[in-house]
């Protein structure tokens, strides 16, 4: 599961990107990866979860907080927002 968000700041400033990804790990748990990119710099954070439900809940919480800050979802051409992003 992957969510890509973009924030377009004031004119003259480069856009900010945030990517949220869920991946199963080798031990039956789940990893939430948060990658933030701005001006060619990237930061990656990882959070471990024991089950998929708690990982999805954390992803939704992060997604919603970024949307409240003005980030917009980026989708590939022809994609449907409801199928690409896990909305509540």
PDB file of N, CA and C in Angstrom:
ATOM      1  N   UNK A   1       0.843  -1.154   0.000  1.00  0.00           N
ATOM      2  CA  UNK A   1       0.000   0.000   0.000  1.00  0.00           C
ATOM      3  C   UNK A   1       0.900   1.231   0.000  1.00  0.00           C
ATOM      4  N   UNK A   2       0.568   2.203  -0.851  1.00  0.00           N
ATOM      5  CA  UNK A   2       1.425   3.375  -0.999  1.00  0.00           C
ATOM      6  C   UNK A   2       0.572   4.622  -1.191  1.00  0.00           C
ATOM      7  N   UNK A   3       0.934   5.702  -0.512  1.00  0.00           N
ATOM      8  CA  UNK A   3       0.269   6.994  -0.650  1.00  0.00           C
ATOM      9  C   UNK A   3       1.347   8.032  -0.949  1.00  0.00           C
ATOM     10  N   UNK A   4       1.157   8.802  -2.007  1.00  0.00           N
ATOM     11  CA  UNK A   4       2.095   9.861  -2.371  1.00  0.00           C
ATOM     12  C   UNK A   4       1.356  11.189  -2.288  1.00  0.00           C
ATOM     13  N   UNK A   5       1.914  12.132  -1.526  1.00  0.00           N
ATOM     14  CA  UNK A   5       1.288  13.436  -1.314  1.00  0.00           C
ATOM     15  C   UNK A   5       2.256  14.540  -1.727  1.00  0.00           C
ATOM     16  N   UNK A   6       1.697  15.656  -2.226  1.00  0.00           N
ATOM     17  CA  UNK A   6       2.516  16.799  -2.634  1.00  0.00           C
ATOM     18  C   UNK A   6       1.935  18.065  -2.037  1.00  0.00           C
ATOM     19  N   UNK A   7       2.813  18.945  -1.591  1.00  0.00           N
ATOM     20  CA  UNK A   7       2.416  20.260  -1.091  1.00  0.00           C
ATOM     21  C   UNK A   7       3.096  21.299  -1.958  1.00  0.00           C
ATOM     22  N   UNK A   8       2.299  22.190  -2.543  1.00  0.00           N
ATOM     23  CA  UNK A   8       2.855  23.262  -3.372  1.00  0.00           C
ATOM     24  C   UNK A   8       2.879  24.539  -2.544  1.00  0.00           C
ATOM     25  N   UNK A   9       4.050  24.924  -2.068  1.00  0.00           N
ATOM     26  CA  UNK A   9       4.145  26.131  -1.249  1.00  0.00           C
ATOM     27  C   UNK A   9       4.028  27.398  -2.097  1.00  0.00           C
ATOM     28  N   UNK A  10       4.378  28.511  -1.518  1.00  0.00           N
ATOM     29  CA  UNK A  10       4.310  29.799  -2.217  1.00  0.00           C
ATOM     30  C   UNK A  10       5.145  29.751  -3.493  1.00  0.00           C
ATOM     31  N   UNK A  11       4.818  30.633  -4.420  1.00  0.00           N
ATOM     32  CA  UNK A  11       5.541  30.646  -5.696  1.00  0.00           C
ATOM     33  C   UNK A  11       7.029  30.898  -5.466  1.00  0.00           C
ATOM     34  N   UNK A  12       7.829  30.244  -6.264  1.00  0.00           N
ATOM     35  CA  UNK A  12       9.276  30.378  -6.154  1.00  0.00           C
ATOM     36  C   UNK A  12       9.923  29.329  -5.272  1.00  0.00           C
ATOM     37  N   UNK A  13       9.142  28.627  -4.482  1.00  0.00           N
ATOM     38  CA  UNK A  13       9.673  27.572  -3.620  1.00  0.00           C
ATOM     39  C   UNK A  13       9.406  26.216  -4.265  1.00  0.00           C
ATOM     40  N   UNK A  14      10.297  25.253  -4.078  1.00  0.00           N
ATOM     41  CA  UNK A  14      10.064  23.923  -4.648  1.00  0.00           C
ATOM     42  C   UNK A  14       8.964  23.183  -3.882  1.00  0.00           C
ATOM     43  N   UNK A  15       8.264  22.272  -4.554  1.00  0.00           N
ATOM     44  CA  UNK A  15       7.215  21.509  -3.868  1.00  0.00           C
ATOM     45  C   UNK A  15       7.804  20.516  -2.866  1.00  0.00           C
ATOM     46  N   UNK A  16       7.003  20.119  -1.913  1.00  0.00           N
ATOM     47  CA  UNK A  16       7.386  19.129  -0.904  1.00  0.00           C
ATOM     48  C   UNK A  16       6.614  17.850  -1.222  1.00  0.00           C
ATOM     49  N   UNK A  17       7.255  16.709  -1.047  1.00  0.00           N
ATOM     50  CA  UNK A  17       6.620  15.422  -1.296  1.00  0.00           C
ATOM     51  C   UNK A  17       6.719  14.556  -0.052  1.00  0.00           C
ATOM     52  N   UNK A  18       5.674  13.784   0.200  1.00  0.00           N
ATOM     53  CA  UNK A  18       5.673  12.800   1.282  1.00  0.00           C
ATOM     54  C   UNK A  18       5.137  11.499   0.702  1.00  0.00           C
ATOM     55  N   UNK A  19       5.845  10.413   0.958  1.00  0.00           N
ATOM     56  CA  UNK A  19       5.413   9.093   0.519  1.00  0.00           C
ATOM     57  C   UNK A  19       5.251   8.207   1.751  1.00  0.00           C
ATOM     58  N   UNK A  20       4.087   7.580   1.875  1.00  0.00           N
ATOM     59  CA  UNK A  20       3.799   6.658   2.969  1.00  0.00           C
ATOM     60  C   UNK A  20       3.617   5.275   2.367  1.00  0.00           C
ATOM     61  N   UNK A  21       4.331   4.284   2.902  1.00  0.00           N
ATOM     62  CA  UNK A  21       4.251   2.923   2.371  1.00  0.00           C
ATOM     63  C   UNK A  21       4.127   1.912   3.500  1.00  0.00           C
ATOM     64  N   UNK A  22       3.325   0.885   3.269  1.00  0.00           N
ATOM     65  CA  UNK A  22       3.222  -0.242   4.192  1.00  0.00           C
ATOM     66  C   UNK A  22       3.838  -1.459   3.532  1.00  0.00           C
ATOM     67  N   UNK A  23       4.691  -2.150   4.287  1.00  0.00           N
ATOM     68  CA  UNK A  23       5.327  -3.356   3.767  1.00  0.00           C
ATOM     69  C   UNK A  23       5.349  -4.426   4.850  1.00  0.00           C
ATOM     70  N   UNK A  24       5.068  -5.672   4.473  1.00  0.00           N
ATOM     71  CA  UNK A  24       5.213  -6.747   5.460  1.00  0.00           C
ATOM     72  C   UNK A  24       6.693  -6.994   5.736  1.00  0.00           C
ATOM     73  N   UNK A  25       7.004  -7.372   6.971  1.00  0.00           N
ATOM     74  CA  UNK A  25       8.399  -7.698   7.275  1.00  0.00           C
ATOM     75  C   UNK A  25       8.575  -9.216   7.338  1.00  0.00           C
ATOM     76  N   UNK A  26       9.769  -9.666   7.589  1.00  0.00           N
ATOM     77  CA  UNK A  26      10.072 -11.098   7.573  1.00  0.00           C
ATOM     78  C   UNK A  26       9.553 -11.851   8.795  1.00  0.00           C
ATOM     79  N   UNK A  27       9.100 -11.126   9.799  1.00  0.00           N
ATOM     80  CA  UNK A  27       8.703 -11.761  11.053  1.00  0.00           C
ATOM     81  C   UNK A  27       7.198 -11.720  11.296  1.00  0.00           C
ATOM     82  N   UNK A  28       6.417 -11.437  10.254  1.00  0.00           N
ATOM     83  CA  UNK A  28       4.966 -11.427  10.374  1.00  0.00           C
ATOM     84  C   UNK A  28       4.387 -10.083  10.780  1.00  0.00           C
ATOM     85  N   UNK A  29       5.219  -9.091  10.970  1.00  0.00           N
ATOM     86  CA  UNK A  29       4.752  -7.751  11.316  1.00  0.00           C
ATOM     87  C   UNK A  29       4.675  -6.867  10.082  1.00  0.00           C
ATOM     88  N   UNK A  30       4.465  -5.588  10.314  1.00  0.00           N
ATOM     89  CA  UNK A  30       4.352  -4.623   9.226  1.00  0.00           C
ATOM     90  C   UNK A  30       5.235  -3.419   9.504  1.00  0.00           C
ATOM     91  N   UNK A  31       5.763  -2.821   8.442  1.00  0.00           N
ATOM     92  CA  UNK A  31       6.604  -1.637   8.543  1.00  0.00           C
ATOM     93  C   UNK A  31       5.931  -0.488   7.806  1.00  0.00           C
ATOM     94  N   UNK A  32       5.826   0.651   8.480  1.00  0.00           N
ATOM     95  CA  UNK A  32       5.340   1.878   7.862  1.00  0.00           C
ATOM     96  C   UNK A  32       6.558   2.739   7.552  1.00  0.00           C
ATOM     97  N   UNK A  33       6.770   3.005   6.271  1.00  0.00           N
ATOM     98  CA  UNK A  33       7.883   3.844   5.818  1.00  0.00           C
ATOM     99  C   UNK A  33       7.341   5.225   5.471  1.00  0.00           C
ATOM    100  N   UNK A  34       7.992   6.255   6.002  1.00  0.00           N
ATOM    101  CA  UNK A  34       7.616   7.641   5.713  1.00  0.00           C
ATOM    102  C   UNK A  34       8.821   8.325   5.098  1.00  0.00           C
ATOM    103  N   UNK A  35       8.673   8.722   3.846  1.00  0.00           N
ATOM    104  CA  UNK A  35       9.762   9.410   3.160  1.00  0.00           C
ATOM    105  C   UNK A  35       9.311  10.823   2.821  1.00  0.00           C
ATOM    106  N   UNK A  36      10.081  11.811   3.254  1.00  0.00           N
ATOM    107  CA  UNK A  36       9.792  13.212   2.961  1.00  0.00           C
ATOM    108  C   UNK A  36      10.900  13.758   2.077  1.00  0.00           C
ATOM    109  N   UNK A  37      10.511  14.434   0.997  1.00  0.00           N
ATOM    110  CA  UNK A  37      11.492  15.004   0.076  1.00  0.00           C
ATOM    111  C   UNK A  37      11.223  16.493  -0.100  1.00  0.00           C
ATOM    112  N   UNK A  38      12.308  17.268  -0.013  1.00  0.00           N
ATOM    113  CA  UNK A  38      12.214  18.712  -0.191  1.00  0.00           C
ATOM    114  C   UNK A  38      13.567  19.221  -0.673  1.00  0.00           C
ATOM    115  N   UNK A  39      13.558  19.935  -1.776  1.00  0.00           N
ATOM    116  CA  UNK A  39      14.774  20.541  -2.331  1.00  0.00           C
ATOM    117  C   UNK A  39      15.912  19.540  -2.499  1.00  0.00           C
ATOM    118  N   UNK A  40      15.636  18.365  -2.997  1.00  0.00           N
ATOM    119  CA  UNK A  40      16.672  17.367  -3.232  1.00  0.00           C
ATOM    120  C   UNK A  40      17.120  16.613  -2.000  1.00  0.00           C
ATOM    121  N   UNK A  41      16.587  16.968  -0.841  1.00  0.00           N
ATOM    122  CA  UNK A  41      16.930  16.266   0.395  1.00  0.00           C
ATOM    123  C   UNK A  41      15.804  15.298   0.732  1.00  0.00           C
ATOM    124  N   UNK A  42      16.181  14.159   1.273  1.00  0.00           N
ATOM    125  CA  UNK A  42      15.201  13.130   1.597  1.00  0.00           C
ATOM    126  C   UNK A  42      15.425  12.628   3.016  1.00  0.00           C
ATOM    127  N   UNK A  43      14.336  12.328   3.689  1.00  0.00           N
ATOM    128  CA  UNK A  43      14.406  11.783   5.042  1.00  0.00           C
ATOM    129  C   UNK A  43      13.493  10.562   5.098  1.00  0.00           C
ATOM    130  N   UNK A  44      13.991   9.466   5.636  1.00  0.00           N
ATOM    131  CA  UNK A  44      13.225   8.229   5.730  1.00  0.00           C
ATOM    132  C   UNK A  44      13.079   7.827   7.194  1.00  0.00           C
ATOM    133  N   UNK A  45      11.830   7.551   7.591  1.00  0.00           N
ATOM    134  CA  UNK A  45      11.552   7.084   8.949  1.00  0.00           C
ATOM    135  C   UNK A  45      10.799   5.763   8.852  1.00  0.00           C
ATOM    136  N   UNK A  46      11.076   4.866   9.790  1.00  0.00           N
ATOM    137  CA  UNK A  46      10.424   3.553   9.822  1.00  0.00           C
ATOM    138  C   UNK A  46       9.736   3.355  11.162  1.00  0.00           C
ATOM    139  N   UNK A  47       8.547   2.769  11.107  1.00  0.00           N
ATOM    140  CA  UNK A  47       7.817   2.397  12.320  1.00  0.00           C
ATOM    141  C   UNK A  47       7.369   0.952  12.165  1.00  0.00           C
ATOM    142  N   UNK A  48       7.579   0.151  13.197  1.00  0.00           N
ATOM    143  CA  UNK A  48       7.217  -1.270  13.168  1.00  0.00           C
ATOM    144  C   UNK A  48       5.877  -1.483  13.876  1.00  0.00           C
ATOM    145  N   UNK A  49       5.064  -2.396  13.332  1.00  0.00           N
ATOM    146  CA  UNK A  49       3.771  -2.749  13.911  1.00  0.00           C
ATOM    147  C   UNK A  49       3.624  -4.259  13.916  1.00  0.00           C
ATOM    148  N   UNK A  50       2.933  -4.767  14.919  1.00  0.00           N
ATOM    149  CA  UNK A  50       2.754  -6.215  15.032  1.00  0.00           C
ATOM    150  C   UNK A  50       1.699  -6.751  14.082  1.00  0.00           C
ATOM    151  N   UNK A  51       0.689  -5.922  13.747  1.00  0.00           N
ATOM    152  CA  UNK A  51      -0.362  -6.401  12.844  1.00  0.00           C
ATOM    153  C   UNK A  51      -0.698  -5.344  11.793  1.00  0.00           C
ATOM    154  N   UNK A  52      -1.360  -5.802  10.736  1.00  0.00           N
ATOM    155  CA  UNK A  52      -1.681  -4.925   9.607  1.00  0.00           C
ATOM    156  C   UNK A  52      -2.678  -3.844  10.001  1.00  0.00           C
ATOM    157  N   UNK A  53      -3.643  -4.175  10.848  1.00  0.00           N
ATOM    158  CA  UNK A  53      -4.679  -3.210  11.230  1.00  0.00           C
ATOM    159  C   UNK A  53      -4.080  -1.976  11.911  1.00  0.00           C
ATOM    160  N   UNK A  54      -3.151  -2.177  12.818  1.00  0.00           N
ATOM    161  CA  UNK A  54      -2.542  -1.028  13.498  1.00  0.00           C
ATOM    162  C   UNK A  54      -1.642  -0.240  12.546  1.00  0.00           C
ATOM    163  N   UNK A  55      -1.005  -0.911  11.600  1.00  0.00           N
ATOM    164  CA  UNK A  55      -0.171  -0.220  10.611  1.00  0.00           C
ATOM    165  C   UNK A  55      -1.036   0.632   9.678  1.00  0.00           C
ATOM    166  N   UNK A  56      -2.175   0.089   9.237  1.00  0.00           N
ATOM    167  CA  UNK A  56      -3.089   0.844   8.372  1.00  0.00           C
ATOM    168  C   UNK A  56      -3.654   2.044   9.129  1.00  0.00           C
ATOM    169  N   UNK A  57      -3.995   1.860  10.405  1.00  0.00           N
ATOM    170  CA  UNK A  57      -4.509   2.973  11.216  1.00  0.00           C
ATOM    171  C   UNK A  57      -3.468   4.090  11.325  1.00  0.00           C
ATOM    172  N   UNK A  58      -2.211   3.737  11.516  1.00  0.00           N
ATOM    173  CA  UNK A  58      -1.142   4.740  11.604  1.00  0.00           C
ATOM    174  C   UNK A  58      -0.948   5.444  10.263  1.00  0.00           C
ATOM    175  N   UNK A  59      -1.018   4.689   9.157  1.00  0.00           N
ATOM    176  CA  UNK A  59      -0.889   5.286   7.828  1.00  0.00           C
ATOM    177  C   UNK A  59      -2.015   6.287   7.592  1.00  0.00           C
ATOM    178  N   UNK A  60      -3.255   5.914   7.924  1.00  0.00           N
ATOM    179  CA  UNK A  60      -4.396   6.816   7.739  1.00  0.00           C
ATOM    180  C   UNK A  60      -4.251   8.076   8.582  1.00  0.00           C
ATOM    181  N   UNK A  61      -3.757   7.927   9.808  1.00  0.00           N
ATOM    182  CA  UNK A  61      -3.574   9.082  10.692  1.00  0.00           C
ATOM    183  C   UNK A  61      -2.534  10.043  10.110  1.00  0.00           C
ATOM    184  N   UNK A  62      -1.413   9.507   9.627  1.00  0.00           N
ATOM    185  CA  UNK A  62      -0.384  10.350   9.001  1.00  0.00           C
ATOM    186  C   UNK A  62      -0.903  11.004   7.724  1.00  0.00           C
ATOM    187  N   UNK A  63      -1.606  10.216   6.901  1.00  0.00           N
ATOM    188  CA  UNK A  63      -2.168  10.749   5.658  1.00  0.00           C
ATOM    189  C   UNK A  63      -3.110  11.916   5.950  1.00  0.00           C
ATOM    190  N   UNK A  64      -4.014  11.727   6.914  1.00  0.00           N
ATOM    191  CA  UNK A  64      -4.980  12.771   7.242  1.00  0.00           C
ATOM    192  C   UNK A  64      -4.305  14.018   7.803  1.00  0.00           C
ATOM    193  N   UNK A  65      -3.264  13.839   8.622  1.00  0.00           N
ATOM    194  CA  UNK A  65      -2.576  15.007   9.183  1.00  0.00           C
ATOM    195  C   UNK A  65      -1.855  15.797   8.088  1.00  0.00           C
ATOM    196  N   UNK A  66      -1.295  15.111   7.096  1.00  0.00           N
ATOM    197  CA  UNK A  66      -0.637  15.816   5.996  1.00  0.00           C
ATOM    198  C   UNK A  66      -1.660  16.525   5.108  1.00  0.00           C
ATOM    199  N   UNK A  67      -2.816  15.908   4.884  1.00  0.00           N
ATOM    200  CA  UNK A  67      -3.860  16.550   4.079  1.00  0.00           C
ATOM    201  C   UNK A  67      -4.355  17.816   4.776  1.00  0.00           C
ATOM    202  N   UNK A  68      -4.474  17.783   6.102  1.00  0.00           N
ATOM    203  CA  UNK A  68      -4.886  18.978   6.850  1.00  0.00           C
ATOM    204  C   UNK A  68      -3.855  20.096   6.726  1.00  0.00           C
ATOM    205  N   UNK A  69      -2.595  19.736   6.502  1.00  0.00           N
ATOM    206  CA  UNK A  69      -1.525  20.729   6.342  1.00  0.00           C
ATOM    207  C   UNK A  69      -1.444  21.271   4.915  1.00  0.00           C
ATOM    208  N   UNK A  70      -2.317  20.784   4.018  1.00  0.00           N
ATOM    209  CA  UNK A  70      -2.341  21.304   2.652  1.00  0.00           C
ATOM    210  C   UNK A  70      -1.753  20.390   1.600  1.00  0.00           C
ATOM    211  N   UNK A  71      -1.337  19.184   1.968  1.00  0.00           N
ATOM    212  CA  UNK A  71      -0.817  18.233   0.988  1.00  0.00           C
ATOM    213  C   UNK A  71      -1.977  17.663   0.173  1.00  0.00           C
ATOM    214  N   UNK A  72      -1.711  17.382  -1.097  1.00  0.00           N
ATOM    215  CA  UNK A  72      -2.712  16.806  -1.998  1.00  0.00           C
ATOM    216  C   UNK A  72      -2.213  15.456  -2.493  1.00  0.00           C
ATOM    217  N   UNK A  73      -3.121  14.467  -2.627  1.00  0.00           N
ATOM    218  CA  UNK A  73      -2.718  13.150  -3.134  1.00  0.00           C
ATOM    219  C   UNK A  73      -2.292  13.221  -4.600  1.00  0.00           C
ATOM    220  N   UNK A  74      -1.237  12.498  -4.948  1.00  0.00           N
ATOM    221  CA  UNK A  74      -0.793  12.353  -6.333  1.00  0.00           C
ATOM    222  C   UNK A  74      -1.122  10.937  -6.777  1.00  0.00           C
ATOM    223  N   UNK A  75      -1.778  10.821  -7.927  1.00  0.00           N
ATOM    224  CA  UNK A  75      -2.172   9.512  -8.437  1.00  0.00           C
ATOM    225  C   UNK A  75      -1.700   9.349  -9.873  1.00  0.00           C
ATOM    226  N   UNK A  76      -1.387   8.128 -10.275  1.00  0.00           N
ATOM    227  CA  UNK A  76      -1.031   7.885 -11.675  1.00  0.00           C
ATOM    228  C   UNK A  76      -2.239   8.148 -12.576  1.00  0.00           C
ATOM    229  N   UNK A  77      -2.018   8.488 -13.857  1.00  0.00           N
ATOM    230  CA  UNK A  77      -3.136   8.728 -14.773  1.00  0.00           C
ATOM    231  C   UNK A  77      -4.076   7.530 -14.826  1.00  0.00           C
ATOM    232  N   UNK A  78      -5.377   7.800 -14.785  1.00  0.00           N
ATOM    233  CA  UNK A  78      -6.377   6.744 -14.860  1.00  0.00           C
ATOM    234  C   UNK A  78      -6.683   6.073 -13.543  1.00  0.00           C
ATOM    235  N   UNK A  79      -6.051   6.511 -12.465  1.00  0.00           N
ATOM    236  CA  UNK A  79      -6.293   5.898 -11.158  1.00  0.00           C
ATOM    237  C   UNK A  79      -7.539   6.482 -10.518  1.00  0.00           C
ATOM    238  N   UNK A  80      -8.115   5.698  -9.631  1.00  0.00           N
ATOM    239  CA  UNK A  80      -9.285   6.122  -8.885  1.00  0.00           C
ATOM    240  C   UNK A  80      -8.850   6.396  -7.458  1.00  0.00           C
ATOM    241  N   UNK A  81      -9.185   7.561  -6.938  1.00  0.00           N
ATOM    242  CA  UNK A  81      -8.768   7.957  -5.597  1.00  0.00           C
ATOM    243  C   UNK A  81      -9.223   6.948  -4.548  1.00  0.00           C
ATOM    244  N   UNK A  82     -10.419   6.411  -4.682  1.00  0.00           N
ATOM    245  CA  UNK A  82     -10.942   5.489  -3.679  1.00  0.00           C
ATOM    246  C   UNK A  82     -10.206   4.147  -3.670  1.00  0.00           C
ATOM    247  N   UNK A  83      -9.688   3.714  -4.809  1.00  0.00           N
ATOM    248  CA  UNK A  83      -8.999   2.423  -4.839  1.00  0.00           C
ATOM    249  C   UNK A  83      -7.508   2.554  -4.546  1.00  0.00           C
ATOM    250  N   UNK A  84      -6.932   3.718  -4.804  1.00  0.00           N
ATOM    251  CA  UNK A  84      -5.496   3.893  -4.614  1.00  0.00           C
ATOM    252  C   UNK A  84      -5.127   4.254  -3.181  1.00  0.00           C
ATOM    253  N   UNK A  85      -5.997   4.999  -2.506  1.00  0.00           N
ATOM    254  CA  UNK A  85      -5.691   5.460  -1.155  1.00  0.00           C
ATOM    255  C   UNK A  85      -6.722   4.876  -0.200  1.00  0.00           C
ATOM    256  N   UNK A  86      -6.285   4.255   0.878  1.00  0.00           N
ATOM    257  CA  UNK A  86      -7.226   3.638   1.818  1.00  0.00           C
ATOM    258  C   UNK A  86      -7.969   4.686   2.642  1.00  0.00           C
ATOM    259  N   UNK A  87      -9.100   5.128   2.159  1.00  0.00           N
ATOM    260  CA  UNK A  87      -9.894   6.124   2.881  1.00  0.00           C
ATOM    261  C   UNK A  87     -10.751   5.431   3.924  1.00  0.00           C
ATOM    262  N   UNK A  88     -11.025   6.124   5.013  1.00  0.00           N
ATOM    263  CA  UNK A  88     -11.851   5.508   6.069  1.00  0.00           C
ATOM    264  C   UNK A  88     -13.266   5.256   5.611  1.00  0.00           C
TER     265      UNK A  88
END
